[in-house]
Amino acid sequence: QVFDNDTHPLDADERRLHWEAIREGGHVPDIDVPSAPVEIGAGAWIGFGSIILKGVSLGDECIVAAGSVVTSDVAPRTLVAGNPAREVRAID
């Protein structure tokens, strides 16, 4: 799963308005939902069930282990794993 936004407002009142609008069949266009692009480098491998959050850059040929939650950038040719994902080792 790759998310370039928080999918909902952080403010509780805005979240309630957002949910009510969705329930009624639409979205509220003026509600602020934080977002940032996700960059995936050439040859990056994202394991099954992983979650990549907004604003993250995955370096070329990095590996994200299955089930990891990536909250920060991953250097090229690096293996990361866990929740939150942490560097396990460099890839030779």
Protein backbone atom coordinates (compact mmCIF):
# COMPACT_ATOMS: atom_id res chain seq x y z
CA GLN A 1 0.00 0.00 0.00
CA VAL A 2 1.35 3.40 -0.96
CA PHE A 3 -0.28 6.49 0.56
CA ASP A 4 0.56 10.00 -0.61
CA ASN A 5 -1.85 11.53 1.94
CA ASP A 6 -3.28 10.96 5.41
CA THR A 7 -6.65 9.86 3.88
CA HIS A 8 -8.55 11.96 6.44
CA PRO A 9 -8.23 15.27 8.31
CA LEU A 10 -6.38 15.26 11.62
CA ASP A 11 -8.86 17.64 13.28
CA ALA A 12 -11.76 15.72 14.88
CA ASP A 13 -14.47 18.17 13.76
CA GLU A 14 -13.18 18.15 10.17
CA ARG A 15 -13.01 14.33 10.28
CA ARG A 16 -16.66 14.18 11.32
CA LEU A 17 -17.69 16.55 8.48
CA HIS A 18 -15.59 14.56 6.03
CA TRP A 19 -17.19 11.26 7.12
CA GLU A 20 -20.70 12.71 6.91
CA ALA A 21 -20.04 14.00 3.38
CA ILE A 22 -18.67 10.61 2.27
CA ARG A 23 -21.66 8.85 3.82
CA GLU A 24 -23.95 11.12 1.82
CA GLY A 25 -22.13 10.19 -1.39
CA GLY A 26 -19.49 12.90 -1.84
CA HIS A 27 -16.39 14.57 -0.48
CA VAL A 28 -15.79 17.96 1.10
CA PRO A 29 -13.30 19.66 -1.25
CA ASP A 30 -12.21 22.39 1.18
CA ILE A 31 -11.06 20.08 3.99
CA ASP A 32 -7.28 19.99 4.41
CA VAL A 33 -5.80 16.49 4.17
CA PRO A 34 -1.99 16.59 4.47
CA SER A 35 -0.22 15.08 1.45
CA ALA A 36 3.28 14.70 0.00
CA PRO A 37 4.60 12.76 -3.00
CA VAL A 38 6.08 9.27 -2.67
CA GLU A 39 9.13 8.46 -4.81
CA ILE A 40 10.04 4.86 -5.67
CA GLY A 41 13.53 4.36 -7.11
CA ALA A 42 14.46 2.10 -10.00
CA GLY A 43 14.61 -1.55 -9.03
CA ALA A 44 13.13 -0.99 -5.55
CA TRP A 45 11.44 -4.09 -4.13
CA ILE A 46 8.45 -3.58 -1.82
CA GLY A 47 7.52 -6.75 0.07
CA PHE A 48 3.94 -8.00 0.39
CA GLY A 49 1.77 -6.18 2.93
CA SER A 50 4.12 -3.23 3.34
CA ILE A 51 2.85 0.31 3.84
CA ILE A 52 4.69 3.30 2.40
CA LEU A 53 3.56 6.62 3.91
CA LYS A 54 3.40 10.11 2.43
CA GLY A 55 6.61 12.01 1.67
CA VAL A 56 8.85 8.91 1.63
CA SER A 57 11.55 8.33 -0.99
CA LEU A 58 12.71 4.79 -1.64
CA GLY A 59 16.22 4.68 -3.10
CA ASP A 60 17.23 2.69 -6.17
CA GLU A 61 17.45 -1.08 -5.59
CA CYS A 62 16.38 -0.85 -1.94
CA ILE A 63 14.37 -3.67 -0.37
CA VAL A 64 11.41 -3.16 1.96
CA ALA A 65 10.75 -6.38 3.89
CA ALA A 66 7.22 -7.80 3.90
CA GLY A 67 4.87 -6.16 6.39
CA SER A 68 7.07 -3.12 6.98
CA VAL A 69 5.69 0.37 7.63
CA VAL A 70 7.98 2.90 5.97
CA THR A 71 7.74 6.34 7.59
CA SER A 72 11.04 7.86 6.42
CA ASP A 73 13.36 7.79 3.42
CA VAL A 74 15.25 4.61 2.52
CA ALA A 75 18.76 4.92 1.09
CA PRO A 76 19.65 3.18 -2.18
CA ARG A 77 20.71 -0.48 -1.89
CA THR A 78 19.48 -0.75 1.71
CA LEU A 79 17.30 -3.43 3.31
CA VAL A 80 14.70 -2.11 5.79
CA ALA A 81 12.21 -4.00 7.95
CA GLY A 82 9.79 -3.49 10.81
CA ASN A 83 7.23 -1.04 12.13
CA PRO A 84 8.47 1.55 11.77
CA ALA A 85 10.92 0.28 9.15
CA ARG A 86 14.56 0.48 10.23
CA GLU A 87 17.74 -0.25 8.31
CA VAL A 88 18.77 -3.87 8.63
CA ARG A 89 21.85 -3.75 6.41
CA ALA A 90 23.37 -2.42 3.23
CA ILE A 91 22.96 -4.52 0.10
CA ASP A 92 26.27 -5.38 -1.59
